[in-house]
Amino acid sequence: MEELHFKYQATQPIAHPVHIGVVASGDLEVIMKPTDHKESELNIVTGSDGFKVVWQNVLNRFFDRYPLLAEFQINDFGV
């Protein structure tokens, strides 16, 4: 299991908390909460070690298209 932390500049604040997905073996859960910070903070817990660069590439593409300003918790147990 690995814990990853990222920060991204973002300009579009979310208005209310959002919960997508479910956590179980092979599943993904994304929780977004409004924030007063100037950048999005992401905390990722994953059951697979060694995928930091992959996560970073995916998040770079996401934030280039969708600069959502929020506090993110991502739970990835796609093992």
Protein backbone atom coordinates (compact mmCIF):
# COMPACT_ATOMS: atom_id res chain seq x y z
CA MET A 1 0.00 0.00 0.00
CA GLU A 2 1.26 3.47 -0.88
CA GLU A 3 0.16 7.00 0.05
CA LEU A 4 0.72 9.74 -2.51
CA HIS A 5 0.31 13.51 -2.15
CA PHE A 6 -0.01 16.08 -4.92
CA LYS A 7 -0.90 19.78 -5.24
CA TYR A 8 -2.22 21.53 -8.35
CA GLN A 9 -3.04 25.12 -9.23
CA ALA A 10 -6.78 25.36 -9.85
CA THR A 11 -9.32 28.09 -10.55
CA GLN A 12 -12.78 26.46 -10.46
CA PRO A 13 -13.96 25.88 -6.86
CA ILE A 14 -16.57 23.23 -6.22
CA ALA A 15 -19.73 24.30 -4.36
CA HIS A 16 -20.44 21.17 -2.29
CA PRO A 17 -18.84 17.83 -1.34
CA VAL A 18 -18.87 15.04 -3.93
CA HIS A 19 -18.47 11.28 -3.43
CA ILE A 20 -18.02 8.96 -6.41
CA GLY A 21 -17.36 5.23 -6.35
CA VAL A 22 -16.93 2.62 -3.68
CA VAL A 23 -13.95 1.00 -1.99
CA ALA A 24 -13.54 -2.75 -2.24
CA SER A 25 -11.09 -5.01 -4.01
CA GLY A 26 -10.57 -3.63 -7.51
CA ASP A 27 -12.58 -0.44 -6.93
CA LEU A 28 -11.93 3.29 -6.86
CA GLU A 29 -13.42 5.99 -4.63
CA VAL A 30 -13.05 9.75 -5.15
CA ILE A 31 -14.11 12.25 -2.49
CA MET A 32 -13.96 15.98 -3.20
CA LYS A 33 -14.55 18.68 -0.61
CA PRO A 34 -14.65 22.47 -1.03
CA THR A 35 -11.52 24.24 0.15
CA ASP A 36 -10.37 27.76 0.98
CA HIS A 37 -6.84 27.02 -0.23
CA LYS A 38 -5.40 28.51 -3.41
CA GLU A 39 -4.56 25.10 -4.87
CA SER A 40 -6.07 21.64 -4.96
CA GLU A 41 -4.60 19.09 -2.58
CA LEU A 42 -4.81 15.40 -3.41
CA ASN A 43 -4.21 12.52 -1.05
CA ILE A 44 -4.20 9.11 -2.71
CA VAL A 45 -4.15 5.74 -0.99
CA THR A 46 -3.46 2.91 -3.41
CA GLY A 47 -3.09 -0.83 -2.95
CA SER A 48 -0.42 -0.91 -5.68
CA ASP A 49 3.08 0.40 -5.01
CA GLY A 50 5.26 2.11 -7.60
CA PHE A 51 2.64 4.01 -9.62
CA LYS A 52 3.42 7.58 -8.54
CA VAL A 53 4.57 8.63 -12.03
CA VAL A 54 1.45 7.10 -13.60
CA TRP A 55 -0.80 8.91 -11.13
CA GLN A 56 1.07 12.16 -11.74
CA ASN A 57 0.65 11.86 -15.52
CA VAL A 58 -3.08 11.17 -15.18
CA LEU A 59 -3.54 14.08 -12.77
CA ASN A 60 -1.52 16.45 -14.98
CA ARG A 61 -3.88 15.72 -17.89
CA PHE A 62 -6.95 16.04 -15.64
CA PHE A 63 -5.99 19.41 -14.17
CA ASP A 64 -4.98 20.76 -17.59
CA ARG A 65 -8.58 20.19 -18.71
CA TYR A 66 -10.51 20.55 -15.43
CA PRO A 67 -8.85 22.94 -12.95
CA LEU A 68 -11.19 22.01 -10.09
CA LEU A 69 -10.30 23.63 -6.79
CA ALA A 70 -11.00 21.12 -4.03
CA GLU A 71 -9.53 18.84 -1.41
CA PHE A 72 -9.36 15.37 -2.96
CA GLN A 73 -9.18 11.97 -1.29
CA ILE A 74 -8.72 9.10 -3.73
CA ASN A 75 -8.82 5.51 -2.55
CA ASP A 76 -7.62 3.08 -5.22
CA PHE A 77 -7.69 -0.60 -4.46
CA GLY A 78 -7.49 -1.89 -8.03
CA VAL A 79 -5.10 -4.68 -7.11
